[in-house]
Amino acid sequence: MFAVDKYYPVQGSNKYETVSFPMTKAFTVDLTNTTGATTYELVTFPKGSIILGFAVRMAEALEATAASTIQFGFTGVGSMLSTAHGSGAATAGTIITGNSNSALSSKTAQMAYVLTAADTFDLIVGTAKISAGGKADCYVVYVPTPQDSLSTSDFLSLSPGA
């Protein structure tokens, strides 16, 4: 249902400034033949990752019945979820974001957050099956947290008060 993701590191980081740097996971989701009232777990992010945000660009318009909707985002730990978009609102070129697409939306949905457990970036399909089609390019910006212990060669060691 989705293509292999790509990683785009931010240039110019070094080990003193940061061991982990902002990255973007990019992948394409084909919405054709998805089942209604289903949550699809697309990409998993490990515990400790800092999710900065996401944007989804509709590459092809969502073509479905009026009852069909799509949402993207994180639903497990914390909340960063887009509003539901139907076929009239998810046309080619539409940008869907995790801030509920409104300046008046919850401040929690607009802030970056640290995953306290592994979580997936999800596609949530509303009540009706999407059979006619649509494709979405997804970009999730995050800071991965190293899973192993760091050594003093990886970062500057400070001893306040010493």
N, C-alpha and C. Protein backbone atom coordinates (compact mmCIF):
# COMPACT_ATOMS: atom_id res chain seq x y z
N MET A 1 0.82 -1.20 0.00
CA MET A 1 0.00 0.00 0.00
C MET A 1 0.86 1.25 0.00
N PHE A 2 2.09 1.21 0.50
CA PHE A 2 2.92 2.40 0.46
C PHE A 2 4.32 2.02 0.02
N ALA A 3 4.99 3.00 -0.56
CA ALA A 3 6.33 2.77 -1.11
C ALA A 3 7.38 2.81 -0.02
N VAL A 4 8.58 2.37 -0.36
CA VAL A 4 9.70 2.40 0.57
C VAL A 4 9.99 3.85 0.94
N ASP A 5 10.23 4.10 2.22
CA ASP A 5 10.48 5.47 2.66
C ASP A 5 11.91 5.89 2.35
N LYS A 6 12.12 7.19 2.33
CA LYS A 6 13.44 7.77 2.10
C LYS A 6 13.76 8.66 3.28
N TYR A 7 15.03 8.83 3.56
CA TYR A 7 15.47 9.66 4.68
C TYR A 7 16.20 10.88 4.13
N TYR A 8 15.84 12.05 4.63
CA TYR A 8 16.49 13.28 4.22
C TYR A 8 17.08 13.96 5.44
N PRO A 9 18.39 13.79 5.72
CA PRO A 9 18.97 14.46 6.89
C PRO A 9 19.18 15.94 6.65
N VAL A 10 19.09 16.72 7.72
CA VAL A 10 19.39 18.14 7.65
C VAL A 10 20.91 18.27 7.61
N GLN A 11 21.41 19.09 6.72
CA GLN A 11 22.86 19.22 6.54
C GLN A 11 23.48 20.07 7.64
N GLY A 12 24.76 19.87 7.90
CA GLY A 12 25.52 20.74 8.79
C GLY A 12 25.58 20.32 10.24
N SER A 13 24.96 19.20 10.63
CA SER A 13 25.03 18.80 12.03
C SER A 13 26.35 18.08 12.29
N ASN A 14 26.81 18.12 13.52
CA ASN A 14 28.01 17.38 13.89
C ASN A 14 27.79 16.74 15.26
N LYS A 15 28.72 15.93 15.70
CA LYS A 15 28.51 15.18 16.93
C LYS A 15 28.44 16.06 18.17
N TYR A 16 29.16 17.19 18.19
CA TYR A 16 29.08 18.06 19.36
C TYR A 16 27.71 18.73 19.43
N GLU A 17 27.26 19.25 18.31
CA GLU A 17 25.97 19.95 18.31
C GLU A 17 24.82 18.97 18.57
N THR A 18 24.84 17.86 17.92
CA THR A 18 23.78 16.87 18.10
C THR A 18 24.22 15.54 17.50
N VAL A 19 23.87 14.48 18.16
CA VAL A 19 24.14 13.16 17.61
C VAL A 19 22.99 12.78 16.70
N SER A 20 21.78 13.13 17.10
CA SER A 20 20.60 12.91 16.28
C SER A 20 20.18 14.24 15.68
N PHE A 21 19.74 14.23 14.45
CA PHE A 21 19.37 15.46 13.79
C PHE A 21 18.01 15.28 13.14
N PRO A 22 17.31 16.37 12.86
CA PRO A 22 16.00 16.24 12.23
C PRO A 22 16.08 15.50 10.91
N MET A 23 15.16 14.60 10.71
CA MET A 23 15.08 13.82 9.48
C MET A 23 13.64 13.85 8.99
N THR A 24 13.47 13.51 7.73
CA THR A 24 12.14 13.39 7.16
C THR A 24 11.99 12.00 6.57
N LYS A 25 10.98 11.27 7.01
CA LYS A 25 10.62 10.01 6.35
C LYS A 25 9.57 10.37 5.30
N ALA A 26 9.83 9.97 4.07
CA ALA A 26 8.91 10.28 2.97
C ALA A 26 8.42 8.98 2.35
N PHE A 27 7.12 8.89 2.11
CA PHE A 27 6.56 7.69 1.51
C PHE A 27 5.24 8.04 0.83
N THR A 28 4.86 7.20 -0.12
CA THR A 28 3.62 7.39 -0.88
C THR A 28 2.61 6.34 -0.46
N VAL A 29 1.38 6.76 -0.27
CA VAL A 29 0.30 5.86 0.11
C VAL A 29 -0.72 5.80 -1.02
N ASP A 30 -1.01 4.60 -1.49
CA ASP A 30 -2.04 4.39 -2.50
C ASP A 30 -3.33 4.07 -1.76
N LEU A 31 -4.32 4.94 -1.91
CA LEU A 31 -5.56 4.80 -1.14
C LEU A 31 -6.57 3.85 -1.79
N THR A 32 -6.29 3.39 -2.99
CA THR A 32 -7.21 2.52 -3.71
C THR A 32 -7.45 1.22 -2.95
N ASN A 33 -8.70 0.82 -2.88
CA ASN A 33 -9.13 -0.44 -2.26
C ASN A 33 -8.85 -0.54 -0.77
N THR A 34 -8.75 0.57 -0.08
CA THR A 34 -8.64 0.50 1.38
C THR A 34 -10.03 0.19 1.94
N THR A 35 -10.06 -0.44 3.07
CA THR A 35 -11.32 -0.84 3.70
C THR A 35 -11.82 0.27 4.61
N GLY A 36 -13.13 0.49 4.62
CA GLY A 36 -13.72 1.53 5.46
C GLY A 36 -13.63 1.18 6.93
N ALA A 37 -13.68 2.21 7.77
CA ALA A 37 -13.63 2.08 9.23
C ALA A 37 -12.41 1.28 9.67
N THR A 38 -11.25 1.60 9.08
CA THR A 38 -10.02 0.87 9.37
C THR A 38 -8.88 1.86 9.61
N THR A 39 -8.01 1.52 10.56
CA THR A 39 -6.78 2.28 10.78
C THR A 39 -5.62 1.46 10.24
N TYR A 40 -4.87 2.05 9.30
CA TYR A 40 -3.70 1.40 8.72
C TYR A 40 -2.45 1.97 9.37
N GLU A 41 -1.64 1.11 9.97
CA GLU A 41 -0.38 1.53 10.58
C GLU A 41 0.67 1.53 9.48
N LEU A 42 1.13 2.72 9.07
CA LEU A 42 2.00 2.83 7.92
C LEU A 42 3.48 2.71 8.25
N VAL A 43 3.98 3.53 9.16
CA VAL A 43 5.42 3.56 9.49
C VAL A 43 5.55 3.69 11.00
N THR A 44 6.43 2.87 11.59
CA THR A 44 6.63 2.91 13.04
C THR A 44 7.84 3.78 13.39
N PHE A 45 7.68 4.60 14.44
CA PHE A 45 8.75 5.43 14.98
C PHE A 45 9.07 4.91 16.38
N PRO A 46 10.36 4.76 16.71
CA PRO A 46 10.71 4.16 18.00
C PRO A 46 10.49 5.10 19.18
N LYS A 47 10.39 4.49 20.34
CA LYS A 47 10.29 5.23 21.61
C LYS A 47 11.43 6.24 21.67
N GLY A 48 11.13 7.44 22.16
CA GLY A 48 12.14 8.48 22.30
C GLY A 48 12.24 9.41 21.11
N SER A 49 11.65 9.04 19.99
CA SER A 49 11.68 9.92 18.82
C SER A 49 10.92 11.20 19.14
N ILE A 50 11.43 12.31 18.63
CA ILE A 50 10.75 13.59 18.80
C ILE A 50 10.05 13.89 17.49
N ILE A 51 8.73 13.84 17.50
CA ILE A 51 7.95 14.09 16.30
C ILE A 51 7.73 15.60 16.19
N LEU A 52 8.30 16.19 15.13
CA LEU A 52 8.19 17.64 14.95
C LEU A 52 6.93 18.03 14.17
N GLY A 53 6.46 17.16 13.33
CA GLY A 53 5.25 17.44 12.56
C GLY A 53 5.20 16.60 11.31
N PHE A 54 4.13 16.80 10.53
CA PHE A 54 4.03 16.09 9.26
C PHE A 54 3.20 16.92 8.28
N ALA A 55 3.39 16.60 7.01
CA ALA A 55 2.58 17.18 5.94
C ALA A 55 2.30 16.07 4.94
N VAL A 56 1.08 16.05 4.44
CA VAL A 56 0.69 15.08 3.43
C VAL A 56 0.22 15.89 2.22
N ARG A 57 0.79 15.60 1.06
CA ARG A 57 0.37 16.27 -0.17
C ARG A 57 -0.36 15.25 -1.02
N MET A 58 -1.59 15.57 -1.36
CA MET A 58 -2.37 14.67 -2.20
C MET A 58 -1.78 14.70 -3.62
N ALA A 59 -1.20 13.57 -4.05
CA ALA A 59 -0.62 13.47 -5.39
C ALA A 59 -1.71 13.23 -6.43
N GLU A 60 -2.73 12.50 -6.03
CA GLU A 60 -3.91 12.27 -6.86
C GLU A 60 -5.12 12.49 -5.97
N ALA A 61 -6.17 13.05 -6.54
CA ALA A 61 -7.37 13.35 -5.77
C ALA A 61 -8.00 12.08 -5.20
N LEU A 62 -8.53 12.21 -4.00
CA LEU A 62 -9.29 11.12 -3.39
C LEU A 62 -10.61 11.04 -4.13
N GLU A 63 -10.85 9.89 -4.72
CA GLU A 63 -12.10 9.68 -5.45
C GLU A 63 -12.87 8.58 -4.72
N ALA A 64 -13.91 9.02 -4.03
CA ALA A 64 -14.67 8.07 -3.23
C ALA A 64 -16.08 8.61 -3.03
N THR A 65 -16.91 7.82 -2.38
CA THR A 65 -18.26 8.27 -2.09
C THR A 65 -18.20 9.39 -1.06
N ALA A 66 -19.28 10.10 -0.91
CA ALA A 66 -19.33 11.22 0.03
C ALA A 66 -19.06 10.77 1.47
N ALA A 67 -19.35 9.51 1.78
CA ALA A 67 -19.17 9.01 3.15
C ALA A 67 -17.71 8.65 3.45
N SER A 68 -16.87 8.57 2.44
CA SER A 68 -15.48 8.18 2.66
C SER A 68 -14.64 9.38 3.09
N THR A 69 -13.84 9.18 4.13
CA THR A 69 -12.92 10.22 4.58
C THR A 69 -11.58 9.59 4.90
N ILE A 70 -10.54 10.43 4.92
CA ILE A 70 -9.22 9.98 5.32
C ILE A 70 -8.66 10.95 6.35
N GLN A 71 -7.86 10.42 7.26
CA GLN A 71 -7.12 11.20 8.24
C GLN A 71 -5.73 10.60 8.32
N PHE A 72 -4.74 11.44 8.63
CA PHE A 72 -3.37 10.98 8.81
C PHE A 72 -2.87 11.44 10.16
N GLY A 73 -1.93 10.69 10.74
CA GLY A 73 -1.29 11.16 11.96
C GLY A 73 -0.98 10.07 12.95
N PHE A 74 -0.67 10.54 14.17
CA PHE A 74 -0.32 9.67 15.27
C PHE A 74 -1.49 9.65 16.25
N THR A 75 -1.92 8.46 16.62
CA THR A 75 -3.05 8.35 17.53
C THR A 75 -2.70 7.62 18.82
N GLY A 76 -1.53 6.95 18.86
CA GLY A 76 -1.20 6.10 20.01
C GLY A 76 -0.75 6.85 21.23
N VAL A 77 0.40 7.51 21.17
CA VAL A 77 0.98 8.20 22.32
C VAL A 77 0.95 9.69 22.01
N GLY A 78 0.19 10.44 22.75
CA GLY A 78 0.01 11.85 22.41
C GLY A 78 -1.01 11.96 21.30
N SER A 79 -0.98 13.05 20.60
CA SER A 79 -1.93 13.21 19.51
C SER A 79 -1.39 14.23 18.52
N MET A 80 -1.29 13.83 17.29
CA MET A 80 -0.95 14.72 16.20
C MET A 80 -1.71 14.15 15.01
N LEU A 81 -2.90 14.66 14.79
CA LEU A 81 -3.81 14.06 13.82
C LEU A 81 -4.44 15.14 12.96
N SER A 82 -4.58 14.86 11.68
CA SER A 82 -5.24 15.82 10.79
C SER A 82 -6.75 15.73 10.95
N THR A 83 -7.44 16.69 10.41
CA THR A 83 -8.89 16.60 10.35
C THR A 83 -9.25 15.59 9.26
N ALA A 84 -10.48 15.12 9.26
CA ALA A 84 -10.94 14.17 8.25
C ALA A 84 -11.19 14.93 6.94
N HIS A 85 -10.72 14.36 5.85
CA HIS A 85 -10.89 14.95 4.52
C HIS A 85 -11.68 13.99 3.65
N GLY A 86 -12.72 14.48 3.02
CA GLY A 86 -13.49 13.70 2.06
C GLY A 86 -12.99 13.97 0.65
N SER A 87 -13.66 13.34 -0.33
CA SER A 87 -13.18 13.45 -1.71
C SER A 87 -13.21 14.89 -2.22
N GLY A 88 -14.13 15.72 -1.78
CA GLY A 88 -14.16 17.11 -2.23
C GLY A 88 -13.06 17.96 -1.63
N ALA A 89 -12.54 17.57 -0.46
CA ALA A 89 -11.52 18.35 0.24
C ALA A 89 -10.12 17.80 0.02
N ALA A 90 -9.99 16.60 -0.51
CA ALA A 90 -8.68 15.98 -0.73
C ALA A 90 -8.41 15.89 -2.22
N THR A 91 -8.32 17.05 -2.86
CA THR A 91 -8.04 17.10 -4.29
C THR A 91 -6.53 17.09 -4.52
N ALA A 92 -6.11 16.88 -5.75
CA ALA A 92 -4.67 16.86 -6.06
C ALA A 92 -4.05 18.19 -5.66
N GLY A 93 -2.93 18.11 -4.95
CA GLY A 93 -2.23 19.30 -4.50
C GLY A 93 -2.61 19.78 -3.11
N THR A 94 -3.67 19.25 -2.55
CA THR A 94 -4.10 19.62 -1.20
C THR A 94 -3.02 19.22 -0.19
N ILE A 95 -2.71 20.12 0.75
CA ILE A 95 -1.76 19.83 1.81
C ILE A 95 -2.54 19.56 3.09
N ILE A 96 -2.30 18.41 3.70
CA ILE A 96 -2.95 18.01 4.95
C ILE A 96 -1.89 18.01 6.03
N THR A 97 -2.14 18.69 7.14
CA THR A 97 -1.15 18.77 8.21
C THR A 97 -1.70 18.20 9.51
N GLY A 98 -0.81 18.06 10.49
CA GLY A 98 -1.18 17.48 11.77
C GLY A 98 -1.68 18.48 12.77
N ASN A 99 -1.94 19.70 12.36
CA ASN A 99 -2.43 20.69 13.32
C ASN A 99 -3.92 20.88 13.18
N SER A 100 -4.60 19.89 12.65
CA SER A 100 -6.05 19.92 12.43
C SER A 100 -6.45 21.00 11.44
N ASN A 101 -5.47 21.53 10.70
CA ASN A 101 -5.70 22.51 9.64
C ASN A 101 -6.45 23.74 10.11
N SER A 102 -6.26 24.15 11.34
CA SER A 102 -6.96 25.32 11.85
C SER A 102 -6.11 26.03 12.88
N ALA A 103 -6.05 27.35 12.78
CA ALA A 103 -5.32 28.14 13.77
C ALA A 103 -6.00 28.05 15.13
N LEU A 104 -7.26 27.64 15.16
CA LEU A 104 -8.01 27.55 16.40
C LEU A 104 -7.98 26.15 17.00
N SER A 105 -7.23 25.23 16.36
CA SER A 105 -7.22 23.85 16.86
C SER A 105 -6.44 23.76 18.17
N SER A 106 -6.54 22.61 18.79
CA SER A 106 -5.88 22.37 20.07
C SER A 106 -4.38 22.63 19.97
N LYS A 107 -3.83 23.36 20.91
CA LYS A 107 -2.39 23.64 20.93
C LYS A 107 -1.60 22.33 21.05
N THR A 108 -2.14 21.33 21.71
CA THR A 108 -1.46 20.05 21.86
C THR A 108 -1.20 19.43 20.51
N ALA A 109 -2.15 19.53 19.59
CA ALA A 109 -1.99 18.92 18.27
C ALA A 109 -0.97 19.66 17.43
N GLN A 110 -0.58 20.88 17.81
CA GLN A 110 0.36 21.66 17.02
C GLN A 110 1.78 21.58 17.54
N MET A 111 2.01 20.99 18.68
CA MET A 111 3.33 20.98 19.29
C MET A 111 4.05 19.67 19.00
N ALA A 112 5.38 19.75 18.94
CA ALA A 112 6.19 18.54 18.83
C ALA A 112 6.07 17.76 20.14
N TYR A 113 6.26 16.47 20.08
CA TYR A 113 6.22 15.69 21.30
C TYR A 113 7.15 14.49 21.22
N VAL A 114 7.57 14.01 22.37
CA VAL A 114 8.46 12.86 22.47
C VAL A 114 7.61 11.61 22.66
N LEU A 115 7.89 10.60 21.87
CA LEU A 115 7.15 9.35 22.01
C LEU A 115 7.64 8.60 23.25
N THR A 116 6.73 8.33 24.16
CA THR A 116 7.08 7.57 25.37
C THR A 116 6.99 6.07 25.12
N ALA A 117 6.50 5.70 23.96
CA ALA A 117 6.47 4.31 23.50
C ALA A 117 6.49 4.37 21.98
N ALA A 118 6.87 3.28 21.34
CA ALA A 118 6.86 3.26 19.88
C ALA A 118 5.45 3.58 19.40
N ASP A 119 5.35 4.31 18.31
CA ASP A 119 4.05 4.69 17.76
C ASP A 119 4.13 4.65 16.24
N THR A 120 2.98 4.51 15.60
CA THR A 120 2.94 4.46 14.15
C THR A 120 2.28 5.69 13.58
N PHE A 121 2.73 6.07 12.38
CA PHE A 121 2.05 7.09 11.60
C PHE A 121 0.93 6.35 10.88
N ASP A 122 -0.30 6.80 11.09
CA ASP A 122 -1.46 6.04 10.63
C ASP A 122 -2.23 6.74 9.52
N LEU A 123 -2.92 5.92 8.74
CA LEU A 123 -3.97 6.36 7.82
C LEU A 123 -5.27 5.83 8.39
N ILE A 124 -6.22 6.71 8.64
CA ILE A 124 -7.52 6.29 9.16
C ILE A 124 -8.55 6.53 8.06
N VAL A 125 -9.19 5.46 7.63
CA VAL A 125 -10.23 5.55 6.60
C VAL A 125 -11.57 5.53 7.31
N GLY A 126 -12.44 6.48 6.94
CA GLY A 126 -13.76 6.61 7.58
C GLY A 126 -14.67 5.44 7.27
N THR A 127 -15.96 5.68 7.33
CA THR A 127 -16.96 4.61 7.29
C THR A 127 -17.04 3.84 5.99
N ALA A 128 -16.69 4.43 4.87
CA ALA A 128 -16.87 3.75 3.58
C ALA A 128 -15.54 3.39 2.93
N LYS A 129 -15.55 2.30 2.19
CA LYS A 129 -14.37 1.84 1.46
C LYS A 129 -14.03 2.83 0.35
N ILE A 130 -12.71 3.05 0.13
CA ILE A 130 -12.26 3.90 -0.97
C ILE A 130 -11.90 2.97 -2.11
N SER A 131 -12.75 2.94 -3.13
CA SER A 131 -12.50 2.00 -4.22
C SER A 131 -12.03 2.70 -5.49
N ALA A 132 -12.31 3.99 -5.63
CA ALA A 132 -11.99 4.69 -6.88
C ALA A 132 -10.54 5.14 -6.95
N GLY A 133 -9.93 5.52 -5.84
CA GLY A 133 -8.52 5.85 -5.90
C GLY A 133 -8.09 7.09 -5.17
N GLY A 134 -6.82 7.42 -5.37
CA GLY A 134 -6.18 8.54 -4.73
C GLY A 134 -4.81 8.13 -4.23
N LYS A 135 -3.86 9.06 -4.28
CA LYS A 135 -2.51 8.80 -3.75
C LYS A 135 -2.08 10.00 -2.93
N ALA A 136 -1.32 9.72 -1.87
CA ALA A 136 -0.85 10.78 -0.98
C ALA A 136 0.64 10.60 -0.72
N ASP A 137 1.39 11.71 -0.82
CA ASP A 137 2.81 11.71 -0.47
C ASP A 137 2.92 12.23 0.97
N CYS A 138 3.49 11.43 1.85
CA CYS A 138 3.58 11.76 3.27
C CYS A 138 5.01 12.11 3.65
N TYR A 139 5.15 13.16 4.47
CA TYR A 139 6.45 13.62 4.96
C TYR A 139 6.35 13.80 6.47
N VAL A 140 7.05 12.98 7.23
CA VAL A 140 7.04 13.07 8.69
C VAL A 140 8.42 13.55 9.13
N VAL A 141 8.46 14.71 9.81
CA VAL A 141 9.71 15.30 10.27
C VAL A 141 9.88 14.92 11.74
N TYR A 142 11.06 14.35 12.07
CA TYR A 142 11.28 13.87 13.42
C TYR A 142 12.77 13.90 13.75
N VAL A 143 13.06 13.79 15.04
CA VAL A 143 14.44 13.65 15.51
C VAL A 143 14.55 12.27 16.13
N PRO A 144 15.35 11.39 15.52
CA PRO A 144 15.50 10.06 16.13
C PRO A 144 16.38 10.14 17.37
N THR A 145 16.06 9.36 18.36
CA THR A 145 16.87 9.29 19.56
C THR A 145 17.71 8.03 19.49
N PRO A 146 19.03 8.15 19.71
CA PRO A 146 19.87 6.95 19.66
C PRO A 146 19.37 5.90 20.66
N GLN A 147 19.38 4.66 20.23
CA GLN A 147 18.90 3.58 21.09
C GLN A 147 20.00 3.00 21.96
N ASP A 148 21.26 3.32 21.64
CA ASP A 148 22.39 2.82 22.43
C ASP A 148 22.95 3.94 23.30
N SER A 149 23.75 3.57 24.29
CA SER A 149 24.40 4.57 25.14
C SER A 149 25.42 5.35 24.33
N LEU A 150 25.55 6.63 24.64
CA LEU A 150 26.53 7.47 23.98
C LEU A 150 27.85 7.39 24.72
N SER A 151 28.94 7.52 23.99
CA SER A 151 30.25 7.57 24.63
C SER A 151 30.73 9.02 24.64
N THR A 152 31.74 9.31 25.40
CA THR A 152 32.24 10.69 25.47
C THR A 152 32.82 11.16 24.14
N SER A 153 33.11 10.25 23.23
CA SER A 153 33.60 10.66 21.92
C SER A 153 32.45 11.19 21.05
N ASP A 154 31.21 10.91 21.44
CA ASP A 154 30.06 11.34 20.66
C ASP A 154 29.57 12.73 21.03
N PHE A 155 29.89 13.21 22.23
CA PHE A 155 29.35 14.49 22.65
C PHE A 155 30.27 15.14 23.68
N LEU A 156 30.06 16.39 23.92
CA LEU A 156 30.83 17.13 24.91
C LEU A 156 30.33 16.73 26.29
N SER A 157 31.22 16.37 27.19
CA SER A 157 30.86 15.98 28.54
C SER A 157 31.03 17.17 29.47
N LEU A 158 29.96 17.54 30.17
CA LEU A 158 29.97 18.69 31.06
C LEU A 158 29.80 18.23 32.51
N SER A 159 30.44 18.93 33.42
CA SER A 159 30.30 18.62 34.85
C SER A 159 29.98 19.92 35.60
N PRO A 160 28.71 20.34 35.58
CA PRO A 160 28.35 21.59 36.29
C PRO A 160 28.65 21.47 37.77
N GLY A 161 29.15 22.53 38.36
CA GLY A 161 29.42 22.56 39.79
C GLY A 161 30.73 21.91 40.19
N ALA A 162 31.44 21.36 39.24
CA ALA A 162 32.71 20.69 39.59
C ALA A 162 33.85 21.67 39.65
